[in-house]
Protein backbone atom coordinates (compact mmCIF):
# COMPACT_ATOMS: atom_id res chain seq x y z
CA MET A 1 -4.00 76.17 1.56
CA GLU A 2 -6.25 78.94 2.92
CA ALA A 3 -8.73 76.37 4.26
CA LEU A 4 -5.89 74.45 5.95
CA ASN A 5 -4.57 77.70 7.45
CA SER A 6 -8.04 78.47 8.82
CA ILE A 7 -8.47 75.01 10.35
CA VAL A 8 -5.03 75.01 12.01
CA GLY A 9 -5.59 78.62 13.12
CA ALA A 10 -8.87 77.66 14.79
CA ILE A 11 -7.22 74.72 16.60
CA ASN A 12 -4.34 77.01 17.61
CA GLY A 13 -6.79 79.46 19.18
CA VAL A 14 -8.23 76.66 21.33
CA VAL A 15 -5.02 74.90 22.41
CA TRP A 16 -3.26 78.19 23.17
CA GLY A 17 -6.30 79.62 24.95
CA PRO A 18 -6.62 80.44 28.67
CA LEU A 19 -6.64 76.75 29.66
CA MET A 20 -3.17 76.14 28.20
CA LEU A 21 -1.70 79.21 29.89
CA VAL A 22 -3.20 78.10 33.21
CA LEU A 23 -1.81 74.58 32.67
CA ILE A 24 1.74 75.68 31.81
CA LEU A 25 2.07 78.43 34.42
CA GLY A 26 -0.08 76.60 36.97
CA VAL A 27 1.78 73.27 36.86
CA GLY A 28 5.14 75.10 36.86
CA PHE A 29 4.14 77.25 39.84
CA PHE A 30 2.74 74.21 41.69
CA LEU A 31 6.04 72.35 41.19
CA GLN A 32 8.08 75.42 42.16
CA VAL A 33 6.11 75.83 45.43
CA GLY A 34 6.21 72.07 46.12
CA LEU A 35 9.99 72.16 45.69
CA LYS A 36 10.13 75.23 47.99
CA PHE A 37 11.66 77.28 45.12
CA MET A 38 14.71 75.01 45.14
CA PRO A 39 15.30 75.31 41.33
CA ILE A 40 15.74 79.09 41.66
CA LEU A 41 17.74 78.91 44.91
CA ARG A 42 20.02 76.11 43.68
CA VAL A 43 21.08 77.53 40.29
CA GLY A 44 24.67 77.67 41.58
CA THR A 45 24.54 73.99 42.54
CA GLY A 46 23.29 73.19 39.05
CA PHE A 47 26.24 74.95 37.42
CA LYS A 48 28.71 73.14 39.72
CA LEU A 49 27.20 69.78 38.75
CA LEU A 50 27.25 70.81 35.08
CA PHE A 51 31.01 71.47 35.07
CA ALA A 52 31.62 68.28 37.07
CA GLY A 53 29.42 66.40 34.60
CA ARG A 54 31.65 66.80 31.58
CA GLU A 55 32.66 63.21 32.27
CA GLY A 56 29.82 60.74 32.74
CA GLN A 57 29.30 58.77 35.96
CA GLY A 58 26.91 55.85 35.91
CA ASP A 59 24.90 54.19 33.15
CA GLY A 60 23.91 56.00 29.95
CA GLN A 61 25.13 56.92 26.47
CA ILE A 62 26.28 60.54 26.88
CA SER A 63 27.75 62.66 29.68
CA PRO A 64 25.42 64.86 31.80
CA PHE A 65 27.08 67.91 30.18
CA ASN A 66 26.40 66.62 26.65
CA ALA A 67 22.83 65.73 27.65
CA LEU A 68 22.24 69.38 28.60
CA MET A 69 24.01 70.57 25.44
CA THR A 70 21.79 68.25 23.36
CA SER A 71 18.66 69.67 25.01
CA LEU A 72 20.04 73.21 24.59
CA SER A 73 20.85 72.46 20.95
CA ALA A 74 17.14 71.80 20.52
CA THR A 75 15.96 74.86 22.48
CA ILE A 76 18.44 77.55 21.41
CA GLY A 77 17.14 78.10 17.89
CA THR A 78 14.90 80.41 15.92
CA GLY A 79 12.80 80.91 19.07
CA ASN A 80 15.63 82.95 20.63
CA ILE A 81 15.98 85.23 17.60
CA ALA A 82 12.76 85.17 15.58
CA GLY A 83 10.45 83.95 18.36
CA VAL A 84 11.36 86.69 20.86
CA ALA A 85 11.01 89.32 18.12
CA THR A 86 7.59 87.95 17.13
CA ALA A 87 6.46 88.04 20.77
CA VAL A 88 7.50 91.70 21.12
CA PHE A 89 5.98 92.61 17.73
CA LEU A 90 2.59 91.00 18.54
CA GLY A 91 2.45 91.50 22.31
CA GLY A 92 4.57 94.61 22.88
CA PRO A 93 7.53 94.95 25.29
CA GLY A 94 5.40 93.44 28.09
CA ALA A 95 5.65 90.06 26.37
CA LEU A 96 9.28 89.83 27.55
CA PHE A 97 8.11 90.00 31.19
CA TRP A 98 5.77 87.05 30.63
CA MET A 99 8.60 85.13 28.97
CA TRP A 100 10.58 85.63 32.18
CA MET A 101 7.69 84.41 34.32
CA THR A 102 7.33 81.35 32.09
CA ALA A 103 11.05 80.66 32.56
CA LEU A 104 11.06 81.03 36.36
CA VAL A 105 8.25 78.51 36.81
CA GLY A 106 9.63 76.53 33.86
CA MET A 107 12.86 75.81 35.75
CA ALA A 108 10.83 73.69 38.18
CA THR A 109 9.01 72.03 35.28
CA LYS A 110 12.26 71.17 33.48
CA TYR A 111 13.77 69.88 36.73
CA ALA A 112 10.79 67.59 37.36
CA GLU A 113 10.82 66.34 33.75
CA ALA A 114 14.46 65.25 33.97
CA VAL A 115 14.06 63.66 37.43
CA LEU A 116 11.18 61.53 36.15
CA ALA A 117 12.95 60.77 32.86
CA VAL A 118 15.95 59.24 34.65
CA LYS A 119 13.81 57.58 37.36
CA TYR A 120 11.57 55.76 34.88
CA ARG A 121 13.88 55.23 31.90
CA GLU A 122 14.29 51.82 30.23
CA ARG A 123 16.79 50.01 28.06
CA ASP A 124 15.57 49.35 24.52
CA GLU A 125 16.32 46.30 22.34
CA LEU A 126 19.65 47.85 21.32
CA GLY A 127 20.71 48.26 24.95
CA ASN A 128 20.36 52.07 24.90
CA PHE A 129 18.59 54.05 27.60
CA VAL A 130 15.31 55.58 26.46
CA GLY A 131 13.05 57.84 28.48
CA GLY A 132 10.84 60.90 28.50
CA PRO A 133 7.14 61.60 29.13
CA MET A 134 5.88 58.48 27.31
CA TYR A 135 8.02 56.29 29.59
CA TYR A 136 7.34 58.07 32.88
CA ILE A 137 3.64 57.95 32.04
CA LYS A 138 3.83 54.20 31.26
CA ASN A 139 6.14 53.19 34.14
CA GLY A 140 5.05 55.79 36.68
CA LEU A 141 1.28 56.01 36.19
CA GLY A 142 0.59 52.43 35.10
CA ALA A 143 -1.35 50.66 32.36
CA LYS A 144 -4.57 52.69 32.64
CA TRP A 145 -2.63 55.81 31.59
CA ALA A 146 -0.73 54.13 28.73
CA TRP A 147 -2.94 55.88 26.15
CA LEU A 148 -1.66 59.23 27.44
CA GLY A 149 1.95 58.18 26.79
CA GLY A 150 0.96 57.06 23.31
CA ALA A 151 -0.74 60.42 22.69
CA PHE A 152 2.42 62.28 23.72
CA ALA A 153 4.59 60.11 21.45
CA LEU A 154 2.23 60.62 18.51
CA PHE A 155 2.09 64.41 18.95
CA GLY A 156 5.86 64.51 19.55
CA ALA A 157 6.70 62.51 16.43
CA ILE A 158 4.60 64.86 14.27
CA ALA A 159 5.45 68.09 16.14
CA ALA A 160 9.16 67.40 15.65
CA PHE A 161 8.73 68.03 11.92
CA GLY A 162 7.29 71.45 12.75
CA ILE A 163 9.23 72.96 15.65
CA GLY A 164 12.43 70.97 15.08
CA ASN A 165 12.62 70.67 11.32
CA GLY A 166 10.39 72.88 9.17
CA VAL A 167 10.58 76.07 11.25
CA GLN A 168 14.35 75.77 11.67
CA ALA A 169 15.15 74.95 8.03
CA ASN A 170 12.82 77.73 6.89
CA GLY A 171 14.45 80.24 9.23
CA VAL A 172 17.94 79.42 7.91
CA ALA A 173 16.83 79.50 4.26
CA GLN A 174 15.05 82.85 4.58
CA VAL A 175 17.81 84.61 6.50
CA LEU A 176 20.59 83.38 4.18
CA ASP A 177 18.52 84.39 1.14
CA SER A 178 17.83 87.92 2.42
CA ASN A 179 21.36 88.53 3.75
CA PHE A 180 23.61 86.73 1.29
CA GLY A 181 21.34 85.98 -1.69
CA ILE A 182 21.71 82.20 -1.26
CA ASN A 183 18.88 80.32 -2.97
CA THR A 184 16.56 78.52 -0.52
CA SER A 185 16.92 75.27 -2.47
CA VAL A 186 20.71 75.37 -2.08
CA THR A 187 20.34 75.97 1.66
CA GLY A 188 17.93 73.04 1.90
CA ILE A 189 20.34 70.65 0.19
CA VAL A 190 23.34 71.76 2.29
CA LEU A 191 21.33 71.38 5.51
CA MET A 192 20.26 67.88 4.42
CA VAL A 193 23.87 66.80 3.87
CA LEU A 194 25.15 68.29 7.16
CA THR A 195 22.28 66.80 9.16
CA ALA A 196 22.71 63.36 7.63
CA GLY A 197 26.39 63.39 8.59
CA VAL A 198 25.44 63.76 12.26
CA ILE A 199 22.10 62.08 12.97
CA LEU A 200 22.89 58.81 11.21
CA GLY A 201 25.42 58.28 14.03
CA GLY A 202 22.69 58.42 16.70
CA ILE A 203 22.68 60.15 20.11
CA THR A 204 26.41 59.64 20.76
CA ARG A 205 27.37 61.68 17.68
CA ILE A 206 24.59 64.23 18.24
CA GLY A 207 25.77 64.70 21.85
CA ALA A 208 29.41 65.06 20.78
CA VAL A 209 28.59 67.70 18.13
CA ALA A 210 26.22 69.56 20.48
CA GLY A 211 28.81 69.50 23.28
CA LYS A 212 31.24 71.45 21.09
CA LEU A 213 28.96 73.64 18.97
CA VAL A 214 26.36 74.81 21.53
CA PRO A 215 28.74 76.39 24.10
CA PHE A 216 30.63 78.18 21.30
CA MET A 217 27.56 79.59 19.57
CA ALA A 218 25.77 80.55 22.80
CA ILE A 219 28.78 82.43 24.22
CA ALA A 220 29.43 84.21 20.89
CA TYR A 221 25.79 85.35 20.65
CA ILE A 222 25.67 86.45 24.30
CA LEU A 223 28.86 88.53 23.88
CA ALA A 224 27.53 90.18 20.69
CA GLY A 225 24.20 90.88 22.41
CA LEU A 226 25.94 92.39 25.44
CA LEU A 227 27.88 94.66 23.05
CA VAL A 228 24.58 95.87 21.55
CA LEU A 229 23.22 96.54 25.06
CA LEU A 230 26.43 98.37 25.99
CA ILE A 231 26.06 100.62 22.93
CA ASN A 232 22.45 101.35 23.97
CA ILE A 233 23.18 101.47 27.70
CA GLY A 234 21.46 104.83 28.08
CA ALA A 235 18.18 103.33 26.90
CA ILE A 236 18.30 100.14 29.03
CA GLY A 237 16.46 101.75 31.96
CA ASP A 238 13.64 102.97 29.72
CA ALA A 239 13.51 99.57 27.98
CA LEU A 240 13.06 97.77 31.32
CA GLY A 241 10.41 100.34 32.25
CA LEU A 242 8.47 99.51 29.09
CA VAL A 243 8.75 95.78 29.81
CA PHE A 244 7.26 96.08 33.31
CA THR A 245 4.69 98.76 32.39
CA TYR A 246 3.30 96.98 29.33
CA ALA A 247 3.18 93.63 31.11
CA PHE A 248 0.11 94.93 32.98
CA THR A 249 -1.22 97.78 30.82
CA PRO A 250 -2.07 97.85 27.08
CA SER A 251 0.81 98.89 24.77
CA ALA A 252 0.04 102.07 22.87
CA ALA A 253 0.52 102.21 19.09
CA GLU A 254 3.92 103.72 18.32
CA GLY A 255 5.76 104.05 15.01
CA GLY A 256 5.19 100.83 13.07
CA PHE A 257 3.87 99.06 16.20
CA ALA A 258 0.08 98.66 16.11
CA GLY A 259 -0.39 98.43 19.88
CA ALA A 260 -1.34 95.37 21.95
CA ALA A 261 -3.67 94.41 24.79
CA VAL A 262 -2.36 92.91 28.04
CA TRP A 263 -3.81 89.55 26.97
CA ALA A 264 -1.64 89.69 23.83
CA ALA A 265 1.47 90.32 25.97
CA ILE A 266 0.65 87.30 28.16
CA ARG A 267 -0.42 85.03 25.31
CA PHE A 268 2.59 85.70 23.06
CA GLY A 269 5.05 85.97 25.94
CA VAL A 270 4.06 82.57 27.31
CA ALA A 271 3.66 80.89 23.89
CA ARG A 272 7.02 82.11 22.55
CA GLY A 273 8.66 81.48 25.92
CA VAL A 274 7.55 77.84 25.81
CA PHE A 275 8.49 77.62 22.11
CA SER A 276 11.98 78.83 23.02
CA ASN A 277 12.80 77.00 26.29
CA GLU A 278 10.38 74.06 25.84
CA ALA A 279 9.68 73.78 29.60
CA GLY A 280 6.54 71.68 29.96
CA LEU A 281 6.70 70.42 26.39
CA GLY A 282 8.32 67.14 27.43
CA SER A 283 11.05 67.24 24.80
CA ALA A 284 14.21 67.87 26.88
CA PRO A 285 13.74 64.86 29.24
CA ILE A 286 14.11 62.57 26.22
CA ALA A 287 17.75 63.75 25.96
CA HIS A 288 18.37 63.76 29.72
CA ALA A 289 17.20 60.13 29.95
CA ALA A 290 20.32 59.12 27.99
CA ALA A 291 22.72 60.77 30.47
CA GLU A 292 25.48 58.87 32.31
CA THR A 293 24.34 60.25 35.65
CA LYS A 294 24.54 59.34 39.34
CA GLY A 295 20.77 59.61 39.59
CA PRO A 296 17.52 61.50 38.87
CA VAL A 297 18.04 64.59 41.04
CA ASN A 298 21.62 65.12 39.84
CA GLN A 299 20.38 65.27 36.25
CA GLY A 300 17.35 67.37 37.21
CA LEU A 301 19.61 70.06 38.71
CA ILE A 302 21.57 70.17 35.45
CA ALA A 303 18.46 70.05 33.25
CA MET A 304 16.82 73.10 34.86
CA LEU A 305 19.77 75.22 33.70
CA GLY A 306 18.49 74.77 30.15
CA THR A 307 15.53 77.06 30.85
CA PHE A 308 17.70 79.55 32.76
CA ILE A 309 20.31 79.81 29.99
CA ASP A 310 17.81 79.82 27.13
CA THR A 311 15.30 82.39 28.40
CA ILE A 312 16.70 84.33 31.36
CA ILE A 313 20.01 84.90 29.53
CA VAL A 314 19.70 84.47 25.74
CA CYS A 315 16.08 85.57 25.17
CA SER A 316 16.51 88.52 27.54
CA ILE A 317 19.49 89.77 25.54
CA THR A 318 17.51 89.53 22.28
CA GLY A 319 14.42 91.21 23.73
CA LEU A 320 16.28 94.06 25.44
CA ALA A 321 18.37 94.66 22.29
CA ILE A 322 15.17 95.02 20.25
CA ILE A 323 13.50 97.36 22.75
CA SER A 324 16.52 99.48 23.75
CA SER A 325 17.53 100.06 20.12
CA GLY A 326 14.03 101.35 19.32
CA ALA A 327 13.65 98.74 16.56
CA TRP A 328 10.43 97.37 18.10
CA THR A 329 8.45 100.33 16.67
CA SER A 330 9.79 99.80 13.13
CA GLY A 331 6.98 97.54 11.91
CA GLU A 332 9.40 94.67 11.27
CA SER A 333 8.74 91.22 12.78
CA GLY A 334 10.51 87.92 13.32
CA ALA A 335 14.19 87.52 12.50
CA ALA A 336 14.11 90.74 10.43
CA LEU A 337 13.30 92.69 13.62
CA THR A 338 16.23 91.20 15.55
CA ARG A 339 18.47 91.79 12.55
CA LEU A 340 17.42 95.46 12.43
CA ALA A 341 18.15 95.90 16.16
CA PHE A 342 21.67 94.48 15.82
CA GLU A 343 22.37 96.25 12.50
CA THR A 344 21.27 99.60 13.98
CA SER A 345 23.76 99.20 16.83
CA LEU A 346 26.52 97.43 14.86
CA PRO A 347 26.29 98.86 11.29
CA GLY A 348 27.65 96.63 8.54
CA PHE A 349 28.19 93.76 10.95
CA GLY A 350 25.14 93.20 13.15
CA GLY A 351 22.82 91.96 10.42
CA HIS A 352 25.31 89.38 9.15
CA LEU A 353 25.99 88.26 12.72
CA ILE A 354 22.29 87.51 13.25
CA ALA A 355 22.15 85.61 9.96
CA ILE A 356 25.09 83.41 10.95
CA ALA A 357 23.89 82.94 14.56
CA LEU A 358 20.39 81.98 13.46
CA SER A 359 21.78 79.50 10.93
CA ILE A 360 23.97 77.72 13.53
CA PHE A 361 21.25 77.83 16.21
CA ALA A 362 18.69 76.36 13.82
CA PHE A 363 21.04 73.65 12.58
CA THR A 364 21.70 72.37 16.09
CA THR A 365 17.96 72.47 16.81
CA ILE A 366 17.38 70.21 13.79
CA LEU A 367 19.91 67.76 15.30
CA GLY A 368 18.40 67.76 18.80
CA TRP A 369 14.82 67.43 17.63
CA SER A 370 15.66 64.58 15.26
CA PHE A 371 16.55 62.57 18.38
CA TYR A 372 13.33 63.59 20.17
CA GLY A 373 11.20 62.64 17.17
CA GLU A 374 12.86 59.28 16.64
CA LYS A 375 12.45 58.31 20.30
CA CYS A 376 8.73 59.08 20.07
CA VAL A 377 8.49 56.90 16.96
CA GLU A 378 10.53 54.15 18.64
CA PHE A 379 8.04 54.13 21.54
CA LEU A 380 5.19 53.64 19.08
CA LEU A 381 6.78 51.35 16.47
CA GLY A 382 9.97 49.88 17.97
CA VAL A 383 13.67 50.17 17.03
CA LYS A 384 13.05 49.01 13.44
CA SER A 385 11.52 52.44 12.77
CA LEU A 386 14.68 54.43 13.64
CA MET A 387 16.51 54.39 10.30
CA PRO A 388 13.40 55.06 8.13
CA TYR A 389 12.54 57.98 10.45
CA ARG A 390 16.04 59.46 10.13
CA VAL A 391 15.87 59.25 6.33
CA LEU A 392 12.41 60.89 6.31
CA TRP A 393 13.75 63.58 8.66
CA ILE A 394 16.60 64.41 6.29
CA ILE A 395 14.28 64.61 3.26
CA ALA A 396 11.79 66.85 5.15
CA ILE A 397 14.49 69.48 5.70
CA TYR A 398 14.39 70.44 2.01
CA PHE A 399 10.62 70.96 2.04
CA GLY A 400 10.87 72.97 5.25
CA ALA A 401 13.51 75.24 3.72
CA THR A 402 11.26 76.10 0.74
CA ALA A 403 7.82 76.18 2.47
CA ASP A 404 5.60 79.10 3.53
CA LEU A 405 6.95 80.42 6.84
CA GLY A 406 3.60 81.64 8.19
CA PHE A 407 1.92 78.26 8.02
CA VAL A 408 4.99 76.41 9.34
CA TRP A 409 5.10 78.69 12.42
CA LEU A 410 1.34 78.24 12.98
CA LEU A 411 1.51 74.46 12.71
CA ALA A 412 4.55 74.22 15.02
CA ASP A 413 2.90 76.48 17.58
CA THR A 414 -0.25 74.32 17.56
CA LEU A 415 1.55 70.99 17.85
CA ASN A 416 3.66 72.37 20.72
CA ALA A 417 0.55 72.83 22.81
CA MET A 418 -0.80 69.37 21.94
CA MET A 419 2.49 67.82 23.10
CA ALA A 420 2.44 69.78 26.33
CA ILE A 421 -1.00 68.64 27.53
CA PRO A 422 -0.20 64.91 28.23
CA ASN A 423 3.17 65.87 29.73
CA LEU A 424 1.73 68.49 32.10
CA ILE A 425 -0.95 66.07 33.30
CA ALA A 426 1.75 63.46 34.02
CA LEU A 427 3.96 65.98 35.85
CA ALA A 428 1.08 66.98 38.12
CA LEU A 429 0.17 63.35 38.91
CA LEU A 430 3.79 62.26 39.49
CA SER A 431 4.79 65.36 41.47
CA PRO A 432 4.81 63.47 44.84
CA ILE A 433 7.60 61.25 43.45
CA VAL A 434 9.63 64.33 42.43
CA PHE A 435 9.17 65.95 45.85
CA LYS A 436 10.11 62.71 47.67
CA LEU A 437 13.29 62.11 45.62
CA THR A 438 14.34 65.74 46.05
CA LYS A 439 13.80 65.72 49.81
CA GLU A 440 15.78 62.48 50.21
CA PHE A 441 18.62 63.81 48.04
CA PHE A 442 19.16 67.01 50.01
CA ALA A 443 18.53 65.33 53.38
CA SER A 444 21.45 62.99 52.66
CA GLY A 445 23.71 65.80 51.43
CA GLY A 446 23.33 64.71 47.82
CA GLN A 447 24.69 61.19 48.36
CA SER A 448 21.53 59.05 48.30
CA GLU A 449 21.07 58.54 44.60
CA GLU A 450 21.27 55.49 42.45
CA PRO A 451 20.73 55.76 38.69
CA GLY A 452 17.09 55.10 37.88
CA SER A 453 16.20 52.58 35.22
CA THR A 454 13.38 50.22 34.46
CA PRO A 455 14.11 47.06 32.46
CA ALA A 456 12.65 47.00 28.95
CA GLU A 457 9.47 44.99 28.71
């Protein structure tokens, strides 16, 4: 196990090195500038379309609202609770600033992903719409780039078991064990049963469950987090000061915090930011490709809200709660650090709240990522692979719940980066299509769209 840890650790150091940070932030910034900062300026338009999109219009399997909720079900997970805490623990308060920067450029990335997903989606043998990076690479870039789509699908199919299965099941098992004394094996079995009840029904059932569960859990967590910030309102100014100061200067050792260089703040802020909101990873467009939408830009405007809600709202609340409560100097890390921050502010209640929130967040992430993984496998092996993949997914939950958390996090983090590389290359090469569709959409007052689809080959 130690040898495997070392090998994966070495690969992680390469794929999350300076090149990856330049790729993620660089492609996102390039898209944001090319779109003339439209994703930031049109957040209000996105929310209007979201509320109008509770009923589907056009071809697809799920409503635009449920498509966003499915993608949010996959992104709002342990990254928002444990991931933010890990970033602050390893990179200091400045890591939160770099999470914000990742999100602001990531809104353009997520927008472009969804536009291309709907533009180049296909119908599979079952008559369902399928899309995502592997399809916009194949249909948008042509045959000579087909290997890149295959690489994304391969990394995505494997990565799903890390970021979307093992990490989530492990997070639930550990937090329920430490807070309520529930055996990890029991948690694993219960999660298997609950997941099977949803994913065996396919994207329609996943979308329906996500459409009800995600808004409820997100609003409940945001309200609880705002209560913690209200209790610590006197320390909010200092907390924000630490965030901006330590984003550009090394964090000094304080209490149980060992100190961190600026590079650590950037590296962990960006890595955990991407782990949380998945902008650039290429996962969310797989869900958005199934939307009953008027067209690519309509869905892109809704999709970009995923990054805004996940990081600018939810992750910010977690990070500021940890810093303003003083818990960041305690020496705790991961979910235990977030739990301490909430328990300090809400004694006898806060810790249990985090345990319950993390469990629900992680469960919905398992549902969303099961769909992403199976679509990657379908691209590689065809529709006959769907049911075997779902069964394997359900079985893997038990092993994830009882595995070593450190290695699971490391593996998921590594596979994330390997997924992102083919997707970011495709986004850069197909950016002229995104810019053209966007310009036409707004030039016509938002009336020029027709749902994009490519016939299955």
